[in-house]
């Protein structure tokens, strides 16, 4: 069950990356065509910043999707970098989900919570593997501790 969840998580994050880049492209085009400033900011700077933000956020989502997809294809536990990246992505989705309720609506909130659930399921399914020597039945349990 964990492989399909990780693969679906990766694919959903790829789709979300495309959507974020397209939304930022529309926002950048509108800001450029309106030729209006916001609190004295240059319209070209606002348009350039929106393009840059869309590109960076899209690349981060592709990175998170790639990590989840590789975990699903390889069926191995995530490394430290992969876990930290997906945890950060989960936190961002949780915060943005809370913000989107008021700004966009319940549909966007439901989508953000769906992606958050997929990320958490992937993190739980591919938790850290037990190290050698930390298996069940090994080491000093209560009976061995009293014998010493």
N, C-alpha and C. Protein backbone atom coordinates (compact mmCIF):
# COMPACT_ATOMS: atom_id res chain seq x y z
N UNK A 1 0.81 -1.19 0.00
CA UNK A 1 0.00 0.00 0.00
C UNK A 1 0.86 1.26 0.00
N UNK A 2 2.07 1.18 0.52
CA UNK A 2 2.88 2.40 0.63
C UNK A 2 3.45 2.85 -0.70
N UNK A 3 3.73 1.91 -1.61
CA UNK A 3 4.27 2.31 -2.92
C UNK A 3 3.28 3.15 -3.71
N UNK A 4 2.01 2.72 -3.84
CA UNK A 4 1.07 3.55 -4.60
C UNK A 4 0.85 4.93 -3.97
N UNK A 5 0.85 5.00 -2.64
CA UNK A 5 0.65 6.29 -1.98
C UNK A 5 1.80 7.24 -2.32
N UNK A 6 3.03 6.74 -2.26
CA UNK A 6 4.19 7.58 -2.56
C UNK A 6 4.19 8.00 -4.03
N UNK A 7 3.83 7.10 -4.92
CA UNK A 7 3.81 7.44 -6.35
C UNK A 7 2.72 8.46 -6.64
N UNK A 8 1.53 8.27 -6.06
CA UNK A 8 0.45 9.24 -6.25
C UNK A 8 0.83 10.59 -5.66
N UNK A 9 1.50 10.58 -4.52
CA UNK A 9 1.96 11.84 -3.91
C UNK A 9 2.90 12.58 -4.85
N UNK A 10 3.85 11.86 -5.42
CA UNK A 10 4.78 12.49 -6.35
C UNK A 10 4.07 13.06 -7.56
N UNK A 11 3.14 12.31 -8.13
CA UNK A 11 2.42 12.80 -9.31
C UNK A 11 1.53 14.01 -9.00
N UNK A 12 0.89 13.99 -7.82
CA UNK A 12 0.06 15.13 -7.42
C UNK A 12 0.93 16.37 -7.22
N UNK A 13 2.10 16.20 -6.64
CA UNK A 13 3.00 17.34 -6.45
C UNK A 13 3.51 17.87 -7.78
N UNK A 14 3.73 17.00 -8.77
CA UNK A 14 4.12 17.47 -10.10
C UNK A 14 2.99 18.30 -10.71
N UNK A 15 1.76 17.81 -10.58
CA UNK A 15 0.62 18.57 -11.10
C UNK A 15 0.44 19.90 -10.39
N UNK A 16 0.66 19.90 -9.10
CA UNK A 16 0.56 21.14 -8.34
C UNK A 16 1.64 22.13 -8.74
N UNK A 17 2.83 21.63 -9.05
CA UNK A 17 3.91 22.50 -9.50
C UNK A 17 3.53 23.19 -10.81
N UNK A 18 2.96 22.45 -11.73
CA UNK A 18 2.52 23.04 -13.00
C UNK A 18 1.45 24.10 -12.74
N UNK A 19 0.49 23.79 -11.86
CA UNK A 19 -0.56 24.75 -11.54
C UNK A 19 -0.03 26.02 -10.90
N UNK A 20 0.92 25.89 -10.00
CA UNK A 20 1.50 27.06 -9.33
C UNK A 20 2.24 27.94 -10.33
N UNK A 21 2.99 27.32 -11.23
CA UNK A 21 3.72 28.10 -12.23
C UNK A 21 2.73 28.82 -13.15
N UNK A 22 1.67 28.15 -13.56
CA UNK A 22 0.67 28.79 -14.42
C UNK A 22 -0.05 29.93 -13.72
N UNK A 23 -0.41 29.74 -12.45
CA UNK A 23 -1.08 30.81 -11.70
C UNK A 23 -0.16 32.01 -11.57
N UNK A 24 1.10 31.78 -11.26
CA UNK A 24 2.04 32.90 -11.14
C UNK A 24 2.30 33.56 -12.49
N UNK A 25 2.27 32.79 -13.57
CA UNK A 25 2.42 33.38 -14.89
C UNK A 25 1.26 34.32 -15.20
N UNK A 26 0.06 33.91 -14.86
CA UNK A 26 -1.11 34.77 -15.06
C UNK A 26 -1.00 36.03 -14.21
N UNK A 27 -0.62 35.86 -12.93
CA UNK A 27 -0.48 37.02 -12.05
C UNK A 27 0.60 37.98 -12.54
N UNK A 28 1.71 37.44 -13.02
CA UNK A 28 2.79 38.29 -13.52
C UNK A 28 2.35 39.04 -14.78
N UNK A 29 1.62 38.38 -15.64
CA UNK A 29 1.14 39.02 -16.86
C UNK A 29 0.14 40.12 -16.53
N UNK A 30 -0.76 39.86 -15.60
CA UNK A 30 -1.73 40.88 -15.19
C UNK A 30 -1.02 42.08 -14.56
N UNK A 31 -0.06 41.82 -13.69
CA UNK A 31 0.68 42.92 -13.06
C UNK A 31 1.43 43.74 -14.09
N UNK A 32 1.96 43.08 -15.10
CA UNK A 32 2.69 43.80 -16.15
C UNK A 32 1.75 44.60 -17.04
N UNK A 33 0.62 44.03 -17.38
CA UNK A 33 -0.32 44.71 -18.27
C UNK A 33 -1.06 45.84 -17.59
N UNK A 34 -1.28 45.76 -16.30
CA UNK A 34 -1.98 46.82 -15.58
C UNK A 34 -1.13 48.07 -15.47
N UNK A 35 0.19 47.88 -15.41
CA UNK A 35 1.13 49.01 -15.31
C UNK A 35 0.78 49.92 -14.14
N UNK A 36 0.44 49.32 -13.02
CA UNK A 36 0.13 50.07 -11.81
C UNK A 36 1.15 49.70 -10.74
N UNK A 37 1.42 50.64 -9.86
CA UNK A 37 2.36 50.33 -8.79
C UNK A 37 1.60 50.09 -7.50
N UNK A 38 2.21 49.31 -6.64
CA UNK A 38 1.64 49.01 -5.33
C UNK A 38 2.57 49.60 -4.29
N UNK A 39 2.12 50.64 -3.62
CA UNK A 39 2.92 51.33 -2.59
C UNK A 39 4.23 51.83 -3.17
N UNK A 40 4.20 52.29 -4.41
CA UNK A 40 5.38 52.87 -5.03
C UNK A 40 6.34 51.88 -5.67
N UNK A 41 6.00 50.59 -5.68
CA UNK A 41 6.85 49.59 -6.31
C UNK A 41 6.77 49.70 -7.83
N UNK A 42 7.85 49.42 -8.47
CA UNK A 42 7.89 49.41 -9.93
C UNK A 42 7.08 48.23 -10.45
N UNK A 43 6.18 48.44 -11.43
CA UNK A 43 5.40 47.32 -11.97
C UNK A 43 6.27 46.22 -12.58
N UNK A 44 7.38 46.59 -13.18
CA UNK A 44 8.28 45.58 -13.74
C UNK A 44 8.90 44.72 -12.64
N UNK A 45 9.21 45.35 -11.51
CA UNK A 45 9.77 44.59 -10.38
C UNK A 45 8.72 43.62 -9.82
N UNK A 46 7.47 44.06 -9.76
CA UNK A 46 6.41 43.17 -9.26
C UNK A 46 6.22 42.01 -10.22
N UNK A 47 6.25 42.26 -11.50
CA UNK A 47 6.08 41.19 -12.49
C UNK A 47 7.25 40.22 -12.43
N UNK A 48 8.46 40.74 -12.36
CA UNK A 48 9.65 39.89 -12.28
C UNK A 48 9.66 39.07 -11.00
N UNK A 49 9.28 39.68 -9.90
CA UNK A 49 9.22 38.96 -8.63
C UNK A 49 8.18 37.85 -8.65
N UNK A 50 7.06 38.09 -9.31
CA UNK A 50 6.03 37.06 -9.40
C UNK A 50 6.51 35.90 -10.26
N UNK A 51 7.19 36.19 -11.37
CA UNK A 51 7.76 35.12 -12.19
C UNK A 51 8.77 34.31 -11.40
N UNK A 52 9.64 35.00 -10.68
CA UNK A 52 10.68 34.31 -9.90
C UNK A 52 10.06 33.45 -8.80
N UNK A 53 9.06 34.00 -8.11
CA UNK A 53 8.40 33.24 -7.05
C UNK A 53 7.72 32.00 -7.60
N UNK A 54 7.06 32.13 -8.74
CA UNK A 54 6.40 30.98 -9.35
C UNK A 54 7.40 29.91 -9.76
N UNK A 55 8.53 30.35 -10.32
CA UNK A 55 9.55 29.39 -10.74
C UNK A 55 10.19 28.67 -9.57
N UNK A 56 10.52 29.40 -8.53
CA UNK A 56 11.16 28.79 -7.35
C UNK A 56 10.19 27.85 -6.64
N UNK A 57 8.96 28.29 -6.46
CA UNK A 57 7.98 27.45 -5.78
C UNK A 57 7.67 26.20 -6.61
N UNK A 58 7.61 26.37 -7.94
CA UNK A 58 7.40 25.21 -8.81
C UNK A 58 8.55 24.23 -8.73
N UNK A 59 9.78 24.73 -8.70
CA UNK A 59 10.94 23.84 -8.58
C UNK A 59 10.96 23.10 -7.25
N UNK A 60 10.58 23.79 -6.19
CA UNK A 60 10.52 23.12 -4.88
C UNK A 60 9.46 22.02 -4.86
N UNK A 61 8.32 22.27 -5.49
CA UNK A 61 7.30 21.23 -5.55
C UNK A 61 7.75 20.06 -6.42
N UNK A 62 8.47 20.34 -7.50
CA UNK A 62 9.00 19.26 -8.32
C UNK A 62 10.02 18.45 -7.52
N UNK A 63 10.86 19.12 -6.74
CA UNK A 63 11.83 18.41 -5.90
C UNK A 63 11.12 17.50 -4.89
N UNK A 64 10.09 18.01 -4.23
CA UNK A 64 9.33 17.19 -3.28
C UNK A 64 8.65 16.03 -3.99
N UNK A 65 8.09 16.29 -5.17
CA UNK A 65 7.45 15.22 -5.93
C UNK A 65 8.44 14.17 -6.36
N UNK A 66 9.63 14.60 -6.75
CA UNK A 66 10.67 13.66 -7.16
C UNK A 66 11.12 12.79 -5.99
N UNK A 67 11.24 13.37 -4.82
CA UNK A 67 11.63 12.61 -3.63
C UNK A 67 10.57 11.56 -3.31
N UNK A 68 9.30 11.95 -3.34
CA UNK A 68 8.23 11.00 -3.05
C UNK A 68 8.14 9.92 -4.13
N UNK A 69 8.30 10.31 -5.38
CA UNK A 69 8.23 9.34 -6.48
C UNK A 69 9.38 8.34 -6.41
N UNK A 70 10.58 8.82 -6.12
CA UNK A 70 11.73 7.92 -6.00
C UNK A 70 11.56 6.96 -4.82
N UNK A 71 10.99 7.46 -3.73
CA UNK A 71 10.75 6.57 -2.59
C UNK A 71 9.77 5.48 -2.96
N UNK A 72 8.75 5.83 -3.74
CA UNK A 72 7.77 4.83 -4.15
C UNK A 72 8.32 3.84 -5.15
N UNK A 73 9.12 4.31 -6.09
CA UNK A 73 9.68 3.42 -7.10
C UNK A 73 10.73 2.49 -6.49
N UNK A 74 11.58 3.04 -5.65
CA UNK A 74 12.64 2.23 -5.01
C UNK A 74 12.11 1.40 -3.86
N UNK A 75 11.01 1.82 -3.26
CA UNK A 75 10.42 1.17 -2.09
C UNK A 75 11.43 1.06 -0.95
N UNK A 76 12.11 2.18 -0.73
CA UNK A 76 13.07 2.26 0.38
C UNK A 76 12.75 3.48 1.22
N UNK A 77 13.22 3.46 2.45
CA UNK A 77 12.98 4.58 3.36
C UNK A 77 13.67 5.84 2.85
N UNK A 78 13.09 6.95 3.22
CA UNK A 78 13.65 8.25 2.84
C UNK A 78 14.90 8.54 3.66
N UNK A 79 15.82 9.25 3.07
CA UNK A 79 16.99 9.70 3.81
C UNK A 79 16.65 10.93 4.64
N UNK A 80 17.62 11.43 5.34
CA UNK A 80 17.40 12.61 6.19
C UNK A 80 16.96 13.81 5.37
N UNK A 81 17.64 14.07 4.23
CA UNK A 81 17.28 15.21 3.38
C UNK A 81 15.86 15.05 2.85
N UNK A 82 15.51 13.86 2.41
CA UNK A 82 14.17 13.61 1.87
C UNK A 82 13.09 13.81 2.91
N UNK A 83 13.33 13.31 4.11
CA UNK A 83 12.34 13.47 5.18
C UNK A 83 12.17 14.94 5.56
N UNK A 84 13.27 15.65 5.69
CA UNK A 84 13.20 17.07 6.06
C UNK A 84 12.47 17.85 4.97
N UNK A 85 12.76 17.55 3.71
CA UNK A 85 12.11 18.25 2.60
C UNK A 85 10.61 17.99 2.60
N UNK A 86 10.19 16.73 2.77
CA UNK A 86 8.77 16.43 2.76
C UNK A 86 8.06 16.96 4.01
N UNK A 87 8.76 17.01 5.14
CA UNK A 87 8.17 17.61 6.34
C UNK A 87 7.95 19.11 6.12
N UNK A 88 8.92 19.78 5.53
CA UNK A 88 8.76 21.20 5.21
C UNK A 88 7.62 21.43 4.24
N UNK A 89 7.51 20.57 3.24
CA UNK A 89 6.41 20.67 2.28
C UNK A 89 5.07 20.45 2.97
N UNK A 90 5.02 19.54 3.93
CA UNK A 90 3.78 19.29 4.68
C UNK A 90 3.39 20.50 5.51
N UNK A 91 4.35 21.12 6.15
CA UNK A 91 4.07 22.30 6.96
C UNK A 91 3.53 23.44 6.08
N UNK A 92 4.15 23.64 4.93
CA UNK A 92 3.71 24.69 4.01
C UNK A 92 2.28 24.41 3.54
N UNK A 93 1.98 23.15 3.22
CA UNK A 93 0.63 22.83 2.78
C UNK A 93 -0.39 23.03 3.90
N UNK A 94 -0.02 22.73 5.12
CA UNK A 94 -0.93 22.95 6.24
C UNK A 94 -1.22 24.43 6.45
N UNK A 95 -0.19 25.26 6.41
CA UNK A 95 -0.37 26.70 6.60
C UNK A 95 -1.15 27.29 5.43
N UNK A 96 -0.78 26.93 4.21
CA UNK A 96 -1.49 27.46 3.05
C UNK A 96 -2.94 26.97 3.01
N UNK A 97 -3.18 25.75 3.49
CA UNK A 97 -4.55 25.27 3.57
C UNK A 97 -5.40 26.12 4.50
N UNK A 98 -4.82 26.52 5.62
CA UNK A 98 -5.56 27.38 6.56
C UNK A 98 -5.82 28.75 5.95
N UNK A 99 -4.89 29.26 5.18
CA UNK A 99 -5.05 30.57 4.56
C UNK A 99 -6.06 30.52 3.41
N UNK A 100 -6.06 29.42 2.65
CA UNK A 100 -6.92 29.37 1.48
C UNK A 100 -8.40 29.29 1.82
N UNK A 101 -8.75 28.89 3.02
CA UNK A 101 -10.17 28.84 3.39
C UNK A 101 -10.79 30.22 3.23
N UNK A 102 -10.13 31.22 3.77
CA UNK A 102 -10.67 32.57 3.71
C UNK A 102 -10.47 33.26 2.37
N UNK A 103 -9.37 32.97 1.70
CA UNK A 103 -9.07 33.68 0.47
C UNK A 103 -9.68 33.06 -0.77
N UNK A 104 -9.67 31.73 -0.87
CA UNK A 104 -10.10 31.06 -2.09
C UNK A 104 -11.39 30.29 -1.87
N UNK A 105 -11.49 29.55 -0.79
CA UNK A 105 -12.71 28.80 -0.52
C UNK A 105 -12.42 27.39 -0.04
N UNK A 106 -13.50 26.67 0.20
CA UNK A 106 -13.40 25.34 0.78
C UNK A 106 -12.85 24.31 -0.21
N UNK A 107 -13.05 24.51 -1.48
CA UNK A 107 -12.52 23.58 -2.47
C UNK A 107 -11.01 23.57 -2.47
N UNK A 108 -10.41 24.76 -2.43
CA UNK A 108 -8.95 24.85 -2.37
C UNK A 108 -8.42 24.28 -1.06
N UNK A 109 -9.16 24.53 0.03
CA UNK A 109 -8.78 23.97 1.32
C UNK A 109 -8.79 22.45 1.27
N UNK A 110 -9.82 21.87 0.67
CA UNK A 110 -9.91 20.41 0.57
C UNK A 110 -8.75 19.85 -0.24
N UNK A 111 -8.38 20.54 -1.34
CA UNK A 111 -7.25 20.07 -2.13
C UNK A 111 -5.95 20.13 -1.33
N UNK A 112 -5.73 21.22 -0.62
CA UNK A 112 -4.51 21.36 0.17
C UNK A 112 -4.44 20.30 1.27
N UNK A 113 -5.58 19.99 1.87
CA UNK A 113 -5.60 18.96 2.91
C UNK A 113 -5.41 17.57 2.31
N UNK A 114 -5.87 17.35 1.09
CA UNK A 114 -5.63 16.08 0.41
C UNK A 114 -4.14 15.89 0.15
N UNK A 115 -3.48 16.93 -0.33
CA UNK A 115 -2.03 16.85 -0.56
C UNK A 115 -1.30 16.67 0.76
N UNK A 116 -1.73 17.37 1.80
CA UNK A 116 -1.12 17.22 3.12
C UNK A 116 -1.27 15.78 3.62
N UNK A 117 -2.45 15.20 3.43
CA UNK A 117 -2.67 13.82 3.86
C UNK A 117 -1.77 12.86 3.09
N UNK A 118 -1.61 13.08 1.79
CA UNK A 118 -0.72 12.22 1.00
C UNK A 118 0.73 12.34 1.47
N UNK A 119 1.15 13.56 1.77
CA UNK A 119 2.52 13.75 2.25
C UNK A 119 2.73 13.06 3.60
N UNK A 120 1.78 13.20 4.50
CA UNK A 120 1.92 12.58 5.82
C UNK A 120 1.89 11.05 5.70
N UNK A 121 1.01 10.53 4.84
CA UNK A 121 0.99 9.08 4.64
C UNK A 121 2.31 8.58 4.08
N UNK A 122 2.88 9.33 3.15
CA UNK A 122 4.18 8.94 2.59
C UNK A 122 5.26 8.97 3.67
N UNK A 123 5.26 10.01 4.49
CA UNK A 123 6.25 10.10 5.57
C UNK A 123 6.09 8.98 6.58
N UNK A 124 4.87 8.63 6.91
CA UNK A 124 4.65 7.56 7.87
C UNK A 124 4.97 6.19 7.28
N UNK A 125 4.63 6.00 6.02
CA UNK A 125 4.88 4.69 5.39
C UNK A 125 6.36 4.44 5.20
N UNK A 126 7.11 5.50 4.90
CA UNK A 126 8.54 5.36 4.67
C UNK A 126 9.31 5.98 5.83
N UNK A 127 8.93 5.61 7.02
CA UNK A 127 9.62 6.08 8.22
C UNK A 127 11.04 5.55 8.28
N UNK A 128 11.82 6.04 9.23
CA UNK A 128 13.20 5.57 9.33
C UNK A 128 13.24 4.08 9.63
N UNK A 129 14.12 3.39 8.92
CA UNK A 129 14.29 1.95 9.14
C UNK A 129 15.06 1.72 10.43
N UNK A 130 14.74 0.66 11.18
CA UNK A 130 15.49 0.39 12.41
C UNK A 130 16.94 0.04 12.08
N UNK A 131 17.83 0.53 12.90
CA UNK A 131 19.26 0.26 12.69
C UNK A 131 19.57 -1.17 13.09
N UNK A 132 20.71 -1.64 12.63
CA UNK A 132 21.14 -2.99 13.00
C UNK A 132 21.36 -3.03 14.51
N UNK A 133 20.82 -4.03 15.15
CA UNK A 133 20.98 -4.15 16.59
C UNK A 133 19.84 -3.55 17.37
N UNK A 134 18.87 -2.90 16.67
CA UNK A 134 17.74 -2.31 17.36
C UNK A 134 16.46 -3.09 17.10
N UNK A 135 16.58 -4.31 16.63
CA UNK A 135 15.41 -5.11 16.30
C UNK A 135 14.68 -5.58 17.55
N UNK A 136 13.48 -6.08 17.35
CA UNK A 136 12.68 -6.59 18.45
C UNK A 136 13.29 -7.90 18.93
N UNK A 137 13.39 -8.08 20.20
CA UNK A 137 13.93 -9.30 20.76
C UNK A 137 15.43 -9.24 20.96
N UNK A 138 16.06 -8.20 20.51
CA UNK A 138 17.50 -8.07 20.71
C UNK A 138 17.76 -7.06 21.82
N UNK A 139 18.90 -7.10 22.39
CA UNK A 139 19.26 -6.15 23.42
C UNK A 139 18.81 -6.64 24.79
N UNK A 140 18.99 -5.80 25.77
CA UNK A 140 18.68 -6.17 27.14
C UNK A 140 17.25 -5.80 27.46
N UNK A 141 16.39 -6.80 27.49
CA UNK A 141 15.02 -6.60 27.91
C UNK A 141 14.95 -6.69 29.42
N UNK A 142 13.75 -6.71 29.98
CA UNK A 142 13.62 -6.77 31.44
C UNK A 142 14.23 -8.02 32.06
N UNK A 143 14.09 -9.20 31.39
CA UNK A 143 14.62 -10.43 31.96
C UNK A 143 16.16 -10.41 31.95
N UNK A 144 16.73 -9.90 30.87
CA UNK A 144 18.20 -9.86 30.79
C UNK A 144 18.77 -8.80 31.74
N UNK A 145 18.01 -7.74 31.97
CA UNK A 145 18.50 -6.68 32.84
C UNK A 145 18.59 -7.15 34.30
N UNK A 146 17.64 -8.00 34.74
CA UNK A 146 17.66 -8.48 36.11
C UNK A 146 18.78 -9.51 36.30
N UNK A 147 19.12 -10.24 35.23
CA UNK A 147 20.15 -11.28 35.36
C UNK A 147 21.53 -10.69 35.50
N UNK A 148 21.72 -9.45 35.12
CA UNK A 148 23.06 -8.84 35.17
C UNK A 148 23.39 -8.37 36.53
